[in-house]
């Protein structure tokens, strides 16, 4: 799903190879599009959080490795 603004700033939805002017779509479909945008934003947020958690975990692992090496 892709949205673009073309001629006269009219927003266009491209879905499965077809283009639709969003303002011409029924409200029910506009609501579905809005919910998909929210879902996409939430996925991005959680993907970013997972990256941060992974970085933190790697840092803790490195810290543990260095401290254990000092014991030897």
PDB file of N, CA and C in Angstrom:
ATOM      1  N   UNK A   1       0.849  -1.172   0.000  1.00  0.00           N
ATOM      2  CA  UNK A   1       0.000   0.000   0.000  1.00  0.00           C
ATOM      3  C   UNK A   1       0.892   1.231   0.000  1.00  0.00           C
ATOM      4  N   UNK A   2       0.632   2.116  -0.906  1.00  0.00           N
ATOM      5  CA  UNK A   2       1.444   3.319  -1.026  1.00  0.00           C
ATOM      6  C   UNK A   2       0.525   4.496  -1.295  1.00  0.00           C
ATOM      7  N   UNK A   3       0.823   5.612  -0.596  1.00  0.00           N
ATOM      8  CA  UNK A   3       0.059   6.832  -0.839  1.00  0.00           C
ATOM      9  C   UNK A   3       0.985   7.855  -1.467  1.00  0.00           C
ATOM     10  N   UNK A   4       0.480   8.575  -2.446  1.00  0.00           N
ATOM     11  CA  UNK A   4       1.251   9.636  -3.086  1.00  0.00           C
ATOM     12  C   UNK A   4       0.344  10.826  -3.323  1.00  0.00           C
ATOM     13  N   UNK A   5       0.972  11.982  -3.403  1.00  0.00           N
ATOM     14  CA  UNK A   5       0.222  13.162  -3.788  1.00  0.00           C
ATOM     15  C   UNK A   5       0.646  13.519  -5.203  1.00  0.00           C
ATOM     16  N   UNK A   6      -0.333  13.641  -6.102  1.00  0.00           N
ATOM     17  CA  UNK A   6      -0.058  13.976  -7.484  1.00  0.00           C
ATOM     18  C   UNK A   6      -0.888  15.191  -7.858  1.00  0.00           C
ATOM     19  N   UNK A   7      -0.947  15.486  -9.130  1.00  0.00           N
ATOM     20  CA  UNK A   7      -1.660  16.641  -9.661  1.00  0.00           C
ATOM     21  C   UNK A   7      -2.611  17.283  -8.658  1.00  0.00           C
ATOM     22  N   UNK A   8      -2.413  18.558  -8.415  1.00  0.00           N
ATOM     23  CA  UNK A   8      -3.252  19.338  -7.508  1.00  0.00           C
ATOM     24  C   UNK A   8      -3.251  18.802  -6.079  1.00  0.00           C
ATOM     25  N   UNK A   9      -2.189  18.162  -5.684  1.00  0.00           N
ATOM     26  CA  UNK A   9      -2.044  17.659  -4.322  1.00  0.00           C
ATOM     27  C   UNK A   9      -3.147  16.681  -3.925  1.00  0.00           C
ATOM     28  N   UNK A  10      -3.689  15.955  -4.862  1.00  0.00           N
ATOM     29  CA  UNK A  10      -4.727  14.969  -4.589  1.00  0.00           C
ATOM     30  C   UNK A  10      -4.048  13.663  -4.179  1.00  0.00           C
ATOM     31  N   UNK A  11      -4.333  13.191  -2.966  1.00  0.00           N
ATOM     32  CA  UNK A  11      -3.686  11.989  -2.446  1.00  0.00           C
ATOM     33  C   UNK A  11      -4.169  10.759  -3.209  1.00  0.00           C
ATOM     34  N   UNK A  12      -3.205   9.885  -3.548  1.00  0.00           N
ATOM     35  CA  UNK A  12      -3.497   8.678  -4.319  1.00  0.00           C
ATOM     36  C   UNK A  12      -3.043   7.464  -3.517  1.00  0.00           C
ATOM     37  N   UNK A  13      -3.885   6.461  -3.482  1.00  0.00           N
ATOM     38  CA  UNK A  13      -3.533   5.180  -2.894  1.00  0.00           C
ATOM     39  C   UNK A  13      -3.204   4.232  -4.032  1.00  0.00           C
ATOM     40  N   UNK A  14      -2.019   3.605  -3.961  1.00  0.00           N
ATOM     41  CA  UNK A  14      -1.665   2.563  -4.912  1.00  0.00           C
ATOM     42  C   UNK A  14      -1.729   1.247  -4.154  1.00  0.00           C
ATOM     43  N   UNK A  15      -2.620   0.374  -4.604  1.00  0.00           N
ATOM     44  CA  UNK A  15      -2.825  -0.900  -3.925  1.00  0.00           C
ATOM     45  C   UNK A  15      -2.962  -1.994  -4.971  1.00  0.00           C
ATOM     46  N   UNK A  16      -2.062  -2.975  -4.869  1.00  0.00           N
ATOM     47  CA  UNK A  16      -2.040  -4.101  -5.799  1.00  0.00           C
ATOM     48  C   UNK A  16      -2.063  -3.646  -7.251  1.00  0.00           C
ATOM     49  N   UNK A  17      -1.243  -2.640  -7.542  1.00  0.00           N
ATOM     50  CA  UNK A  17      -1.058  -2.162  -8.907  1.00  0.00           C
ATOM     51  C   UNK A  17      -2.116  -1.200  -9.417  1.00  0.00           C
ATOM     52  N   UNK A  18      -3.125  -0.909  -8.600  1.00  0.00           N
ATOM     53  CA  UNK A  18      -4.167   0.021  -9.026  1.00  0.00           C
ATOM     54  C   UNK A  18      -4.069   1.304  -8.218  1.00  0.00           C
ATOM     55  N   UNK A  19      -4.469   2.414  -8.834  1.00  0.00           N
ATOM     56  CA  UNK A  19      -4.416   3.718  -8.177  1.00  0.00           C
ATOM     57  C   UNK A  19      -5.834   4.209  -7.903  1.00  0.00           C
ATOM     58  N   UNK A  20      -5.992   4.788  -6.700  1.00  0.00           N
ATOM     59  CA  UNK A  20      -7.288   5.307  -6.276  1.00  0.00           C
ATOM     60  C   UNK A  20      -7.086   6.680  -5.647  1.00  0.00           C
ATOM     61  N   UNK A  21      -7.955   7.642  -5.989  1.00  0.00           N
ATOM     62  CA  UNK A  21      -7.938   8.924  -5.306  1.00  0.00           C
ATOM     63  C   UNK A  21      -8.610   8.720  -3.952  1.00  0.00           C
ATOM     64  N   UNK A  22      -7.870   8.996  -2.894  1.00  0.00           N
ATOM     65  CA  UNK A  22      -8.371   8.714  -1.558  1.00  0.00           C
ATOM     66  C   UNK A  22      -9.643   9.498  -1.254  1.00  0.00           C
ATOM     67  N   UNK A  23      -9.695  10.743  -1.667  1.00  0.00           N
ATOM     68  CA  UNK A  23     -10.874  11.551  -1.341  1.00  0.00           C
ATOM     69  C   UNK A  23     -12.146  11.032  -2.012  1.00  0.00           C
ATOM     70  N   UNK A  24     -11.993  10.219  -3.047  1.00  0.00           N
ATOM     71  CA  UNK A  24     -13.158   9.671  -3.742  1.00  0.00           C
ATOM     72  C   UNK A  24     -13.623   8.333  -3.157  1.00  0.00           C
ATOM     73  N   UNK A  25     -12.876   7.784  -2.217  1.00  0.00           N
ATOM     74  CA  UNK A  25     -13.216   6.488  -1.641  1.00  0.00           C
ATOM     75  C   UNK A  25     -14.270   6.639  -0.546  1.00  0.00           C
ATOM     76  N   UNK A  26     -15.055   5.594  -0.311  1.00  0.00           N
ATOM     77  CA  UNK A  26     -16.041   5.630   0.777  1.00  0.00           C
ATOM     78  C   UNK A  26     -15.345   5.772   2.140  1.00  0.00           C
ATOM     79  N   UNK A  27     -16.057   6.320   3.102  1.00  0.00           N
ATOM     80  CA  UNK A  27     -15.497   6.542   4.445  1.00  0.00           C
ATOM     81  C   UNK A  27     -15.005   5.248   5.074  1.00  0.00           C
ATOM     82  N   UNK A  28     -15.704   4.163   4.848  1.00  0.00           N
ATOM     83  CA  UNK A  28     -15.308   2.868   5.404  1.00  0.00           C
ATOM     84  C   UNK A  28     -13.907   2.479   4.925  1.00  0.00           C
ATOM     85  N   UNK A  29     -13.625   2.702   3.667  1.00  0.00           N
ATOM     86  CA  UNK A  29     -12.310   2.375   3.116  1.00  0.00           C
ATOM     87  C   UNK A  29     -11.262   3.351   3.647  1.00  0.00           C
ATOM     88  N   UNK A  30     -11.608   4.615   3.774  1.00  0.00           N
ATOM     89  CA  UNK A  30     -10.674   5.600   4.342  1.00  0.00           C
ATOM     90  C   UNK A  30     -10.290   5.208   5.764  1.00  0.00           C
ATOM     91  N   UNK A  31     -11.253   4.682   6.525  1.00  0.00           N
ATOM     92  CA  UNK A  31     -10.978   4.246   7.896  1.00  0.00           C
ATOM     93  C   UNK A  31     -10.022   3.052   7.893  1.00  0.00           C
ATOM     94  N   UNK A  32     -10.206   2.136   6.971  1.00  0.00           N
ATOM     95  CA  UNK A  32      -9.300   0.983   6.851  1.00  0.00           C
ATOM     96  C   UNK A  32      -7.888   1.472   6.518  1.00  0.00           C
ATOM     97  N   UNK A  33      -7.777   2.418   5.606  1.00  0.00           N
ATOM     98  CA  UNK A  33      -6.466   2.978   5.241  1.00  0.00           C
ATOM     99  C   UNK A  33      -5.816   3.613   6.454  1.00  0.00           C
ATOM    100  N   UNK A  34      -6.592   4.378   7.207  1.00  0.00           N
ATOM    101  CA  UNK A  34      -6.074   5.026   8.420  1.00  0.00           C
ATOM    102  C   UNK A  34      -5.573   3.971   9.410  1.00  0.00           C
ATOM    103  N   UNK A  35      -6.341   2.899   9.589  1.00  0.00           N
ATOM    104  CA  UNK A  35      -5.937   1.843  10.515  1.00  0.00           C
ATOM    105  C   UNK A  35      -4.682   1.122  10.036  1.00  0.00           C
ATOM    106  N   UNK A  36      -4.548   0.943   8.734  1.00  0.00           N
ATOM    107  CA  UNK A  36      -3.321   0.353   8.198  1.00  0.00           C
ATOM    108  C   UNK A  36      -2.116   1.253   8.457  1.00  0.00           C
ATOM    109  N   UNK A  37      -2.308   2.561   8.339  1.00  0.00           N
ATOM    110  CA  UNK A  37      -1.223   3.505   8.617  1.00  0.00           C
ATOM    111  C   UNK A  37      -0.814   3.426  10.083  1.00  0.00           C
ATOM    112  N   UNK A  38      -1.797   3.302  10.967  1.00  0.00           N
ATOM    113  CA  UNK A  38      -1.502   3.178  12.398  1.00  0.00           C
ATOM    114  C   UNK A  38      -0.747   1.882  12.657  1.00  0.00           C
ATOM    115  N   UNK A  39      -1.194   0.788  12.036  1.00  0.00           N
ATOM    116  CA  UNK A  39      -0.512  -0.500  12.201  1.00  0.00           C
ATOM    117  C   UNK A  39       0.928  -0.423  11.696  1.00  0.00           C
ATOM    118  N   UNK A  40       1.145   0.234  10.562  1.00  0.00           N
ATOM    119  CA  UNK A  40       2.501   0.396  10.030  1.00  0.00           C
ATOM    120  C   UNK A  40       3.378   1.189  10.992  1.00  0.00           C
ATOM    121  N   UNK A  41       2.814   2.252  11.559  1.00  0.00           N
ATOM    122  CA  UNK A  41       3.570   3.070  12.511  1.00  0.00           C
ATOM    123  C   UNK A  41       3.919   2.267  13.761  1.00  0.00           C
ATOM    124  N   UNK A  42       2.983   1.456  14.239  1.00  0.00           N
ATOM    125  CA  UNK A  42       3.241   0.630  15.413  1.00  0.00           C
ATOM    126  C   UNK A  42       4.317  -0.422  15.124  1.00  0.00           C
ATOM    127  N   UNK A  43       4.260  -1.025  13.955  1.00  0.00           N
ATOM    128  CA  UNK A  43       5.300  -1.992  13.583  1.00  0.00           C
ATOM    129  C   UNK A  43       6.674  -1.338  13.571  1.00  0.00           C
ATOM    130  N   UNK A  44       6.759  -0.159  12.996  1.00  0.00           N
ATOM    131  CA  UNK A  44       8.035   0.567  12.936  1.00  0.00           C
ATOM    132  C   UNK A  44       8.539   0.869  14.349  1.00  0.00           C
ATOM    133  N   UNK A  45       7.627   1.320  15.207  1.00  0.00           N
ATOM    134  CA  UNK A  45       7.995   1.626  16.588  1.00  0.00           C
ATOM    135  C   UNK A  45       8.553   0.390  17.285  1.00  0.00           C
ATOM    136  N   UNK A  46       7.877  -0.735  17.138  1.00  0.00           N
ATOM    137  CA  UNK A  46       8.332  -1.952  17.805  1.00  0.00           C
ATOM    138  C   UNK A  46       9.613  -2.504  17.188  1.00  0.00           C
ATOM    139  N   UNK A  47       9.774  -2.354  15.888  1.00  0.00           N
ATOM    140  CA  UNK A  47      11.040  -2.756  15.256  1.00  0.00           C
ATOM    141  C   UNK A  47      12.191  -1.926  15.805  1.00  0.00           C
ATOM    142  N   UNK A  48      11.964  -0.622  15.964  1.00  0.00           N
ATOM    143  CA  UNK A  48      13.002   0.250  16.533  1.00  0.00           C
ATOM    144  C   UNK A  48      13.308  -0.132  17.976  1.00  0.00           C
ATOM    145  N   UNK A  49      12.264  -0.452  18.751  1.00  0.00           N
ATOM    146  CA  UNK A  49      12.480  -0.878  20.136  1.00  0.00           C
ATOM    147  C   UNK A  49      13.287  -2.164  20.200  1.00  0.00           C
ATOM    148  N   UNK A  50      12.993  -3.105  19.303  1.00  0.00           N
ATOM    149  CA  UNK A  50      13.768  -4.350  19.273  1.00  0.00           C
ATOM    150  C   UNK A  50      15.237  -4.090  18.946  1.00  0.00           C
ATOM    151  N   UNK A  51      15.490  -3.153  18.052  1.00  0.00           N
ATOM    152  CA  UNK A  51      16.880  -2.805  17.728  1.00  0.00           C
ATOM    153  C   UNK A  51      17.591  -2.246  18.952  1.00  0.00           C
ATOM    154  N   UNK A  52      16.903  -1.371  19.704  1.00  0.00           N
ATOM    155  CA  UNK A  52      17.505  -0.802  20.910  1.00  0.00           C
ATOM    156  C   UNK A  52      17.762  -1.868  21.967  1.00  0.00           C
ATOM    157  N   UNK A  53      16.805  -2.765  22.145  1.00  0.00           N
ATOM    158  CA  UNK A  53      16.979  -3.846  23.111  1.00  0.00           C
ATOM    159  C   UNK A  53      18.159  -4.723  22.706  1.00  0.00           C
ATOM    160  N   UNK A  54      18.287  -5.006  21.425  1.00  0.00           N
ATOM    161  CA  UNK A  54      19.387  -5.825  20.937  1.00  0.00           C
ATOM    162  C   UNK A  54      20.731  -5.142  21.177  1.00  0.00           C
ATOM    163  N   UNK A  55      20.780  -3.843  20.932  1.00  0.00           N
ATOM    164  CA  UNK A  55      22.020  -3.102  21.189  1.00  0.00           C
ATOM    165  C   UNK A  55      22.380  -3.151  22.668  1.00  0.00           C
ATOM    166  N   UNK A  56      21.380  -2.958  23.526  1.00  0.00           N
ATOM    167  CA  UNK A  56      21.616  -3.020  24.970  1.00  0.00           C
ATOM    168  C   UNK A  56      22.100  -4.387  25.400  1.00  0.00           C
ATOM    169  N   UNK A  57      21.493  -5.415  24.849  1.00  0.00           N
ATOM    170  CA  UNK A  57      21.895  -6.780  25.169  1.00  0.00           C
ATOM    171  C   UNK A  57      23.329  -7.046  24.730  1.00  0.00           C
ATOM    172  N   UNK A  58      23.676  -6.582  23.536  1.00  0.00           N
ATOM    173  CA  UNK A  58      25.052  -6.755  23.053  1.00  0.00           C
ATOM    174  C   UNK A  58      26.040  -6.032  23.957  1.00  0.00           C
ATOM    175  N   UNK A  59      25.674  -4.853  24.418  1.00  0.00           N
ATOM    176  CA  UNK A  59      26.540  -4.096  25.313  1.00  0.00           C
ATOM    177  C   UNK A  59      26.728  -4.837  26.636  1.00  0.00           C
ATOM    178  N   UNK A  60      25.652  -5.379  27.170  1.00  0.00           N
ATOM    179  CA  UNK A  60      25.754  -6.153  28.413  1.00  0.00           C
ATOM    180  C   UNK A  60      26.615  -7.397  28.224  1.00  0.00           C
ATOM    181  N   UNK A  61      26.468  -8.059  27.092  1.00  0.00           N
ATOM    182  CA  UNK A  61      27.270  -9.249  26.791  1.00  0.00           C
ATOM    183  C   UNK A  61      28.750  -8.884  26.713  1.00  0.00           C
ATOM    184  N   UNK A  62      29.063  -7.783  26.051  1.00  0.00           N
ATOM    185  CA  UNK A  62      30.457  -7.327  25.960  1.00  0.00           C
ATOM    186  C   UNK A  62      31.007  -7.002  27.343  1.00  0.00           C
ATOM    187  N   UNK A  63      30.188  -6.348  28.160  1.00  0.00           N
ATOM    188  CA  UNK A  63      30.600  -5.993  29.512  1.00  0.00           C
ATOM    189  C   UNK A  63      30.876  -7.249  30.326  1.00  0.00           C
ATOM    190  N   UNK A  64      30.001  -8.238  30.228  1.00  0.00           N
ATOM    191  CA  UNK A  64      30.202  -9.505  30.940  1.00  0.00           C
ATOM    192  C   UNK A  64      31.477 -10.188  30.472  1.00  0.00           C
ATOM    193  N   UNK A  65      31.697 -10.223  29.179  1.00  0.00           N
ATOM    194  CA  UNK A  65      32.893 -10.859  28.620  1.00  0.00           C
ATOM    195  C   UNK A  65      34.157 -10.205  29.174  1.00  0.00           C
ATOM    196  N   UNK A  66      34.208  -8.882  29.175  1.00  0.00           N
ATOM    197  CA  UNK A  66      35.395  -8.160  29.657  1.00  0.00           C
ATOM    198  C   UNK A  66      35.637  -8.429  31.136  1.00  0.00           C
ATOM    199  N   UNK A  67      34.586  -8.434  31.924  1.00  0.00           N
ATOM    200  CA  UNK A  67      34.752  -8.662  33.363  1.00  0.00           C
ATOM    201  C   UNK A  67      35.179 -10.099  33.665  1.00  0.00           C
ATOM    202  N   UNK A  68      34.644 -11.049  32.902  1.00  0.00           N
ATOM    203  CA  UNK A  68      35.063 -12.435  33.107  1.00  0.00           C
ATOM    204  C   UNK A  68      36.503 -12.652  32.682  1.00  0.00           C
ATOM    205  N   UNK A  69      36.952 -11.956  31.643  1.00  0.00           N
ATOM    206  CA  UNK A  69      38.337 -12.062  31.186  1.00  0.00           C
ATOM    207  C   UNK A  69      39.294 -11.555  32.265  1.00  0.00           C
ATOM    208  N   UNK A  70      38.880 -10.576  33.014  1.00  0.00           N
ATOM    209  CA  UNK A  70      39.725 -10.028  34.095  1.00  0.00           C
ATOM    210  C   UNK A  70      39.943 -11.053  35.204  1.00  0.00           C
ATOM    211  N   UNK A  71      39.001 -11.977  35.358  1.00  0.00           N
ATOM    212  CA  UNK A  71      39.127 -13.006  36.396  1.00  0.00           C
ATOM    213  C   UNK A  71      40.207 -14.032  36.056  1.00  0.00           C
ATOM    214  N   UNK A  72      40.480 -14.192  34.787  1.00  0.00           N
ATOM    215  CA  UNK A  72      41.460 -15.215  34.370  1.00  0.00           C
ATOM    216  C   UNK A  72      42.851 -14.713  34.430  1.00  0.00           C
TER     217      UNK A  72
END
